[in-house]
Amino acid sequence: MRRPVVSGAPGPADGDGLMTSPAAERNLGPILDVALPHLPARGTVLELASGTGQHVAAFAAHRPDLIFQPSDIDPARRAATDARCRGLPNVAASVALDAGEAGWAALHGPVEGLIVVNLLHLITDGTMAVLLDEAARALSPGGRLAIYGPFLRDGVATSEGDARFDADLRAQDIGVGYKDIEVLTTVLGVLELSPRIVEMPANNLMVLGRKGTLGL
């Protein structure tokens, strides 16, 4: 799963092994406000494409009763996440996981929660389909899903800035770009994940889901 180059993405790790994304820092508060109450009461929460580890570290600090499992395809980012989460006893070592490759649910599930932040617009429709199917398989019955990012509404970007960013992504790889929120919620419904949309700052959305008790 190759991700396009994004302006403002984190650079190399600093002397402490940390990577920092200004965008992740800006959206952290609103994400925690909405996603924290939705997380399961107990168990393990897997984060896909943890990147710098800023989000998983914050979740873990607020929910010491849960075990958090970060993951990423990039070994440098896994190392940066491990460096950031050092000292958080409820965060496992980051694992190598390609969320767009079929079969990861059997290796890394079942889990009681799953978090995806700012990833879907960086992957193709086909990769997203694999990711969502595997996510549904990885979640235990009643498991909680939280997906955050920018989306199209009825096929249209909600601001000029979003339209420019979407066009820039598609110029790098025609297969990537903003996904339509209606497509996402339809797929999640088919997968029995009961999606609910929450409006977020800066035209972003959070999609919260819960796996049906019958599972897949």
C-alpha atoms as a PDB file:
ATOM      1  CA  MET A   1       0.000   0.000   0.000  1.00  0.00           C
ATOM      2  CA  ARG A   2       1.929   3.034  -1.268  1.00  0.00           C
ATOM      3  CA  ARG A   3       0.880   6.413   0.058  1.00  0.00           C
ATOM      4  CA  PRO A   4       1.339   9.638  -1.961  1.00  0.00           C
ATOM      5  CA  VAL A   5       3.584  12.458  -0.796  1.00  0.00           C
ATOM      6  CA  VAL A   6       1.550  14.978   1.204  1.00  0.00           C
ATOM      7  CA  SER A   7       2.581  18.563   1.879  1.00  0.00           C
ATOM      8  CA  GLY A   8       3.218  19.048   5.594  1.00  0.00           C
ATOM      9  CA  ALA A   9       3.864  15.343   6.205  1.00  0.00           C
ATOM     10  CA  PRO A  10       6.312  14.565   9.034  1.00  0.00           C
ATOM     11  CA  GLY A  11      10.008  14.617   8.212  1.00  0.00           C
ATOM     12  CA  PRO A  12      12.793  12.388   9.530  1.00  0.00           C
ATOM     13  CA  ALA A  13      12.870  11.464  13.188  1.00  0.00           C
ATOM     14  CA  ASP A  14      14.574  13.860  15.594  1.00  0.00           C
ATOM     15  CA  GLY A  15      17.326  13.023  18.088  1.00  0.00           C
ATOM     16  CA  ASP A  16      14.843  11.245  20.339  1.00  0.00           C
ATOM     17  CA  GLY A  17      13.545   9.143  17.465  1.00  0.00           C
ATOM     18  CA  LEU A  18      10.268  11.081  17.297  1.00  0.00           C
ATOM     19  CA  MET A  19       8.393  12.202  14.191  1.00  0.00           C
ATOM     20  CA  THR A  20       5.853  15.003  14.557  1.00  0.00           C
ATOM     21  CA  SER A  21       3.025  16.003  12.221  1.00  0.00           C
ATOM     22  CA  PRO A  22       1.595  19.513  12.759  1.00  0.00           C
ATOM     23  CA  ALA A  23      -1.693  18.370  11.210  1.00  0.00           C
ATOM     24  CA  ALA A  24      -1.950  15.470  13.652  1.00  0.00           C
ATOM     25  CA  GLU A  25      -1.343  17.863  16.527  1.00  0.00           C
ATOM     26  CA  ARG A  26      -4.089  20.237  15.318  1.00  0.00           C
ATOM     27  CA  ASN A  27      -6.795  17.603  14.938  1.00  0.00           C
ATOM     28  CA  LEU A  28      -5.916  15.598  18.032  1.00  0.00           C
ATOM     29  CA  GLY A  29      -8.302  17.328  20.452  1.00  0.00           C
ATOM     30  CA  PRO A  30     -11.455  17.007  18.311  1.00  0.00           C
ATOM     31  CA  ILE A  31     -10.626  13.388  17.463  1.00  0.00           C
ATOM     32  CA  LEU A  32     -10.252  12.473  21.125  1.00  0.00           C
ATOM     33  CA  ASP A  33     -13.475  14.284  22.048  1.00  0.00           C
ATOM     34  CA  VAL A  34     -15.520  12.183  19.614  1.00  0.00           C
ATOM     35  CA  ALA A  35     -13.693   8.851  19.486  1.00  0.00           C
ATOM     36  CA  LEU A  36     -12.795   8.300  23.147  1.00  0.00           C
ATOM     37  CA  PRO A  37     -16.407   7.805  24.334  1.00  0.00           C
ATOM     38  CA  HIS A  38     -16.956   5.371  21.439  1.00  0.00           C
ATOM     39  CA  LEU A  39     -14.068   3.046  22.293  1.00  0.00           C
ATOM     40  CA  PRO A  40     -14.846  -0.335  23.871  1.00  0.00           C
ATOM     41  CA  ALA A  41     -15.037  -0.790  27.632  1.00  0.00           C
ATOM     42  CA  ARG A  42     -12.198  -3.311  27.593  1.00  0.00           C
ATOM     43  CA  GLY A  43      -9.850  -5.194  25.301  1.00  0.00           C
ATOM     44  CA  THR A  44      -7.449  -4.276  22.514  1.00  0.00           C
ATOM     45  CA  VAL A  45      -7.689  -1.382  20.052  1.00  0.00           C
ATOM     46  CA  LEU A  46      -5.756  -1.648  16.778  1.00  0.00           C
ATOM     47  CA  GLU A  47      -4.747   1.521  14.927  1.00  0.00           C
ATOM     48  CA  LEU A  48      -4.024   1.201  11.210  1.00  0.00           C
ATOM     49  CA  ALA A  49      -1.253   3.338   9.681  1.00  0.00           C
ATOM     50  CA  SER A  50      -0.227   4.885  12.994  1.00  0.00           C
ATOM     51  CA  GLY A  51       2.331   7.147  11.313  1.00  0.00           C
ATOM     52  CA  THR A  52       4.010   9.371  13.911  1.00  0.00           C
ATOM     53  CA  GLY A  53       2.196   7.679  16.791  1.00  0.00           C
ATOM     54  CA  GLN A  54       0.729  10.964  18.047  1.00  0.00           C
ATOM     55  CA  HIS A  55      -2.843   9.705  17.979  1.00  0.00           C
ATOM     56  CA  VAL A  56      -2.283   6.278  19.516  1.00  0.00           C
ATOM     57  CA  ALA A  57      -0.148   7.787  22.282  1.00  0.00           C
ATOM     58  CA  ALA A  58      -2.898  10.250  23.166  1.00  0.00           C
ATOM     59  CA  PHE A  59      -5.586   7.562  23.120  1.00  0.00           C
ATOM     60  CA  ALA A  60      -3.482   5.335  25.355  1.00  0.00           C
ATOM     61  CA  ALA A  61      -2.798   8.125  27.837  1.00  0.00           C
ATOM     62  CA  HIS A  62      -6.536   8.808  28.169  1.00  0.00           C
ATOM     63  CA  ARG A  63      -7.574   5.126  28.305  1.00  0.00           C
ATOM     64  CA  PRO A  64      -5.067   3.214  30.456  1.00  0.00           C
ATOM     65  CA  ASP A  65      -7.681   0.463  30.824  1.00  0.00           C
ATOM     66  CA  LEU A  66      -7.308  -0.520  27.152  1.00  0.00           C
ATOM     67  CA  ILE A  67      -4.426  -2.119  25.263  1.00  0.00           C
ATOM     68  CA  PHE A  68      -3.466  -0.221  22.097  1.00  0.00           C
ATOM     69  CA  GLN A  69      -1.774  -1.896  19.140  1.00  0.00           C
ATOM     70  CA  PRO A  70      -0.187   0.563  16.677  1.00  0.00           C
ATOM     71  CA  SER A  71       0.796  -0.539  13.177  1.00  0.00           C
ATOM     72  CA  ASP A  72       2.341   0.822   9.992  1.00  0.00           C
ATOM     73  CA  ILE A  73       3.796  -0.403   6.732  1.00  0.00           C
ATOM     74  CA  ASP A  74       6.863   1.866   7.144  1.00  0.00           C
ATOM     75  CA  PRO A  75       9.586   0.646   9.545  1.00  0.00           C
ATOM     76  CA  ALA A  76      10.777   4.214  10.225  1.00  0.00           C
ATOM     77  CA  ARG A  77       7.300   5.220  11.337  1.00  0.00           C
ATOM     78  CA  ARG A  78       6.949   2.102  13.460  1.00  0.00           C
ATOM     79  CA  ALA A  79      10.193   3.030  15.209  1.00  0.00           C
ATOM     80  CA  ALA A  80       8.973   6.610  15.705  1.00  0.00           C
ATOM     81  CA  THR A  81       5.713   5.357  17.197  1.00  0.00           C
ATOM     82  CA  ASP A  82       7.576   3.057  19.572  1.00  0.00           C
ATOM     83  CA  ALA A  83       9.786   5.966  20.643  1.00  0.00           C
ATOM     84  CA  ARG A  84       6.772   8.185  21.306  1.00  0.00           C
ATOM     85  CA  CYS A  85       4.907   5.500  23.246  1.00  0.00           C
ATOM     86  CA  ARG A  86       7.852   4.521  25.404  1.00  0.00           C
ATOM     87  CA  GLY A  87       6.634   4.776  28.987  1.00  0.00           C
ATOM     88  CA  LEU A  88       3.014   3.950  28.109  1.00  0.00           C
ATOM     89  CA  PRO A  89       2.584   0.398  29.460  1.00  0.00           C
ATOM     90  CA  ASN A  90      -0.698  -0.137  27.609  1.00  0.00           C
ATOM     91  CA  VAL A  91       0.812   0.360  24.129  1.00  0.00           C
ATOM     92  CA  ALA A  92       2.250  -2.721  22.411  1.00  0.00           C
ATOM     93  CA  ALA A  93       5.227  -2.519  20.054  1.00  0.00           C
ATOM     94  CA  SER A  94       4.157  -1.293  16.621  1.00  0.00           C
ATOM     95  CA  VAL A  95       3.672  -4.113  14.111  1.00  0.00           C
ATOM     96  CA  ALA A  96       4.226  -4.305  10.361  1.00  0.00           C
ATOM     97  CA  LEU A  97       0.799  -4.287   8.741  1.00  0.00           C
ATOM     98  CA  ASP A  98      -0.255  -3.409   5.196  1.00  0.00           C
ATOM     99  CA  ALA A  99      -3.907  -2.486   5.642  1.00  0.00           C
ATOM    100  CA  GLY A 100      -4.556  -2.860   1.917  1.00  0.00           C
ATOM    101  CA  GLU A 101      -3.391  -6.464   1.740  1.00  0.00           C
ATOM    102  CA  ALA A 102      -5.958  -9.192   2.310  1.00  0.00           C
ATOM    103  CA  GLY A 103      -5.396 -11.503   5.255  1.00  0.00           C
ATOM    104  CA  TRP A 104      -4.241  -9.173   8.018  1.00  0.00           C
ATOM    105  CA  ALA A 105      -7.415  -9.662  10.059  1.00  0.00           C
ATOM    106  CA  ALA A 106      -6.542 -13.296  10.679  1.00  0.00           C
ATOM    107  CA  LEU A 107      -3.051 -12.313  11.833  1.00  0.00           C
ATOM    108  CA  HIS A 108      -3.926  -9.321  14.021  1.00  0.00           C
ATOM    109  CA  GLY A 109      -7.490  -9.969  15.152  1.00  0.00           C
ATOM    110  CA  PRO A 110      -9.763 -10.321  16.874  1.00  0.00           C
ATOM    111  CA  VAL A 111      -9.718  -6.857  18.453  1.00  0.00           C
ATOM    112  CA  GLU A 112     -12.379  -4.917  20.311  1.00  0.00           C
ATOM    113  CA  GLY A 113     -11.643  -1.583  18.648  1.00  0.00           C
ATOM    114  CA  LEU A 114     -10.122  -0.278  15.431  1.00  0.00           C
ATOM    115  CA  ILE A 115      -8.999   3.275  14.577  1.00  0.00           C
ATOM    116  CA  VAL A 116      -8.221   4.719  11.125  1.00  0.00           C
ATOM    117  CA  VAL A 117      -7.099   8.368  10.973  1.00  0.00           C
ATOM    118  CA  ASN A 118      -6.387  10.312   7.767  1.00  0.00           C
ATOM    119  CA  LEU A 119      -5.749   7.275   5.596  1.00  0.00           C
ATOM    120  CA  LEU A 120      -8.641   6.626   3.207  1.00  0.00           C
ATOM    121  CA  HIS A 121      -7.940   9.642   0.959  1.00  0.00           C
ATOM    122  CA  LEU A 122      -4.374   8.397   0.490  1.00  0.00           C
ATOM    123  CA  ILE A 123      -5.329   4.973  -0.910  1.00  0.00           C
ATOM    124  CA  THR A 124      -7.252   3.655  -3.907  1.00  0.00           C
ATOM    125  CA  ASP A 125     -10.878   2.552  -3.921  1.00  0.00           C
ATOM    126  CA  GLY A 126      -9.777  -1.063  -4.273  1.00  0.00           C
ATOM    127  CA  THR A 127      -7.391  -0.784  -1.354  1.00  0.00           C
ATOM    128  CA  MET A 128     -10.123   0.812   0.745  1.00  0.00           C
ATOM    129  CA  ALA A 129     -12.459  -2.073  -0.059  1.00  0.00           C
ATOM    130  CA  VAL A 130      -9.876  -4.580   1.183  1.00  0.00           C
ATOM    131  CA  LEU A 131      -9.168  -2.489   4.286  1.00  0.00           C
ATOM    132  CA  LEU A 132     -12.834  -2.253   5.259  1.00  0.00           C
ATOM    133  CA  ASP A 133     -13.511  -5.939   4.662  1.00  0.00           C
ATOM    134  CA  GLU A 134     -10.498  -6.908   6.764  1.00  0.00           C
ATOM    135  CA  ALA A 135     -11.499  -4.416   9.470  1.00  0.00           C
ATOM    136  CA  ALA A 136     -14.922  -6.024   9.715  1.00  0.00           C
ATOM    137  CA  ARG A 137     -13.310  -9.447  10.010  1.00  0.00           C
ATOM    138  CA  ALA A 138     -10.800  -8.262  12.610  1.00  0.00           C
ATOM    139  CA  LEU A 139     -13.406  -6.778  14.948  1.00  0.00           C
ATOM    140  CA  SER A 140     -14.936  -9.043  17.552  1.00  0.00           C
ATOM    141  CA  PRO A 141     -18.762  -9.017  17.864  1.00  0.00           C
ATOM    142  CA  GLY A 142     -19.764  -5.637  19.246  1.00  0.00           C
ATOM    143  CA  GLY A 143     -16.339  -4.214  18.341  1.00  0.00           C
ATOM    144  CA  ARG A 144     -16.026  -0.479  17.742  1.00  0.00           C
ATOM    145  CA  LEU A 145     -14.690   1.267  14.625  1.00  0.00           C
ATOM    146  CA  ALA A 146     -13.646   4.925  14.256  1.00  0.00           C
ATOM    147  CA  ILE A 147     -12.627   6.384  10.871  1.00  0.00           C
ATOM    148  CA  TYR A 148     -11.564  10.039  10.576  1.00  0.00           C
ATOM    149  CA  GLY A 149     -10.619  12.154   7.588  1.00  0.00           C
ATOM    150  CA  PRO A 150     -11.728  14.390   4.713  1.00  0.00           C
ATOM    151  CA  PHE A 151     -14.508  13.157   2.428  1.00  0.00           C
ATOM    152  CA  LEU A 152     -16.578  14.169  -0.572  1.00  0.00           C
ATOM    153  CA  ARG A 153     -20.288  14.831  -0.081  1.00  0.00           C
ATOM    154  CA  ASP A 154     -22.353  13.674  -3.067  1.00  0.00           C
ATOM    155  CA  GLY A 155     -19.133  13.522  -5.063  1.00  0.00           C
ATOM    156  CA  VAL A 156     -18.154  17.122  -4.320  1.00  0.00           C
ATOM    157  CA  ALA A 157     -15.450  18.631  -2.093  1.00  0.00           C
ATOM    158  CA  THR A 158     -16.810  20.976   0.574  1.00  0.00           C
ATOM    159  CA  SER A 159     -14.217  23.747   0.161  1.00  0.00           C
ATOM    160  CA  GLU A 160     -11.752  25.121  -2.390  1.00  0.00           C
ATOM    161  CA  GLY A 161      -8.881  23.929  -0.209  1.00  0.00           C
ATOM    162  CA  ASP A 162     -10.264  20.393  -0.130  1.00  0.00           C
ATOM    163  CA  ALA A 163     -10.793  20.449  -3.892  1.00  0.00           C
ATOM    164  CA  ARG A 164      -7.164  21.519  -4.450  1.00  0.00           C
ATOM    165  CA  PHE A 165      -5.822  18.869  -2.073  1.00  0.00           C
ATOM    166  CA  ASP A 166      -7.937  16.167  -3.715  1.00  0.00           C
ATOM    167  CA  ALA A 167      -6.738  17.237  -7.174  1.00  0.00           C
ATOM    168  CA  ASP A 168      -3.115  17.191  -5.995  1.00  0.00           C
ATOM    169  CA  LEU A 169      -3.498  13.649  -4.672  1.00  0.00           C
ATOM    170  CA  ARG A 170      -5.096  12.448  -7.906  1.00  0.00           C
ATOM    171  CA  ALA A 171      -2.317  14.101  -9.938  1.00  0.00           C
ATOM    172  CA  GLN A 172       0.212  11.921  -8.105  1.00  0.00           C
ATOM    173  CA  ASP A 173      -1.846   8.748  -8.485  1.00  0.00           C
ATOM    174  CA  ILE A 174      -5.197   8.713 -10.270  1.00  0.00           C
ATOM    175  CA  GLY A 175      -6.362   5.885  -8.034  1.00  0.00           C
ATOM    176  CA  VAL A 176      -6.192   7.856  -4.790  1.00  0.00           C
ATOM    177  CA  GLY A 177      -8.101  10.880  -3.485  1.00  0.00           C
ATOM    178  CA  TYR A 178     -11.067  11.794  -1.325  1.00  0.00           C
ATOM    179  CA  LYS A 179     -13.700   9.080  -0.953  1.00  0.00           C
ATOM    180  CA  ASP A 180     -17.417   9.851  -1.041  1.00  0.00           C
ATOM    181  CA  ILE A 181     -18.935   9.542   2.414  1.00  0.00           C
ATOM    182  CA  GLU A 182     -22.051   7.886   0.984  1.00  0.00           C
ATOM    183  CA  VAL A 183     -19.948   5.142  -0.587  1.00  0.00           C
ATOM    184  CA  LEU A 184     -18.126   4.557   2.684  1.00  0.00           C
ATOM    185  CA  THR A 185     -21.251   4.354   4.812  1.00  0.00           C
ATOM    186  CA  THR A 186     -22.941   2.068   2.284  1.00  0.00           C
ATOM    187  CA  VAL A 187     -20.024  -0.369   2.394  1.00  0.00           C
ATOM    188  CA  LEU A 188     -19.922  -0.257   6.192  1.00  0.00           C
ATOM    189  CA  GLY A 189     -23.638  -0.968   6.300  1.00  0.00           C
ATOM    190  CA  VAL A 190     -23.216  -4.026   4.075  1.00  0.00           C
ATOM    191  CA  LEU A 191     -20.474  -5.191   6.442  1.00  0.00           C
ATOM    192  CA  GLU A 192     -22.909  -4.844   9.372  1.00  0.00           C
ATOM    193  CA  LEU A 193     -20.870  -2.092  11.026  1.00  0.00           C
ATOM    194  CA  SER A 194     -23.803   0.302  11.642  1.00  0.00           C
ATOM    195  CA  PRO A 195     -22.076   3.562  10.604  1.00  0.00           C
ATOM    196  CA  ARG A 196     -22.865   6.930  12.184  1.00  0.00           C
ATOM    197  CA  ILE A 197     -21.428  10.197  10.827  1.00  0.00           C
ATOM    198  CA  VAL A 198     -20.154  12.983  13.082  1.00  0.00           C
ATOM    199  CA  GLU A 199     -19.250  16.408  11.656  1.00  0.00           C
ATOM    200  CA  MET A 200     -15.746  17.528  12.645  1.00  0.00           C
ATOM    201  CA  PRO A 201     -13.771  20.796  12.360  1.00  0.00           C
ATOM    202  CA  ALA A 202     -12.130  21.816   9.057  1.00  0.00           C
ATOM    203  CA  ASN A 203     -14.790  20.005   6.968  1.00  0.00           C
ATOM    204  CA  ASN A 204     -13.646  16.587   8.167  1.00  0.00           C
ATOM    205  CA  LEU A 205     -15.872  13.729   9.309  1.00  0.00           C
ATOM    206  CA  MET A 206     -15.699  10.963  11.873  1.00  0.00           C
ATOM    207  CA  VAL A 207     -17.502   7.736  11.021  1.00  0.00           C
ATOM    208  CA  LEU A 208     -18.266   5.580  14.040  1.00  0.00           C
ATOM    209  CA  GLY A 209     -19.307   1.952  13.679  1.00  0.00           C
ATOM    210  CA  ARG A 210     -20.186  -1.040  15.792  1.00  0.00           C
ATOM    211  CA  LYS A 211     -19.999  -4.617  14.565  1.00  0.00           C
ATOM    212  CA  GLY A 212     -23.241  -6.537  14.750  1.00  0.00           C
ATOM    213  CA  THR A 213     -23.406  -9.366  17.238  1.00  0.00           C
ATOM    214  CA  LEU A 214     -23.748 -11.912  14.433  1.00  0.00           C
ATOM    215  CA  GLY A 215     -20.377 -10.844  12.995  1.00  0.00           C
ATOM    216  CA  LEU A 216     -19.109 -11.980   9.598  1.00  0.00           C
END
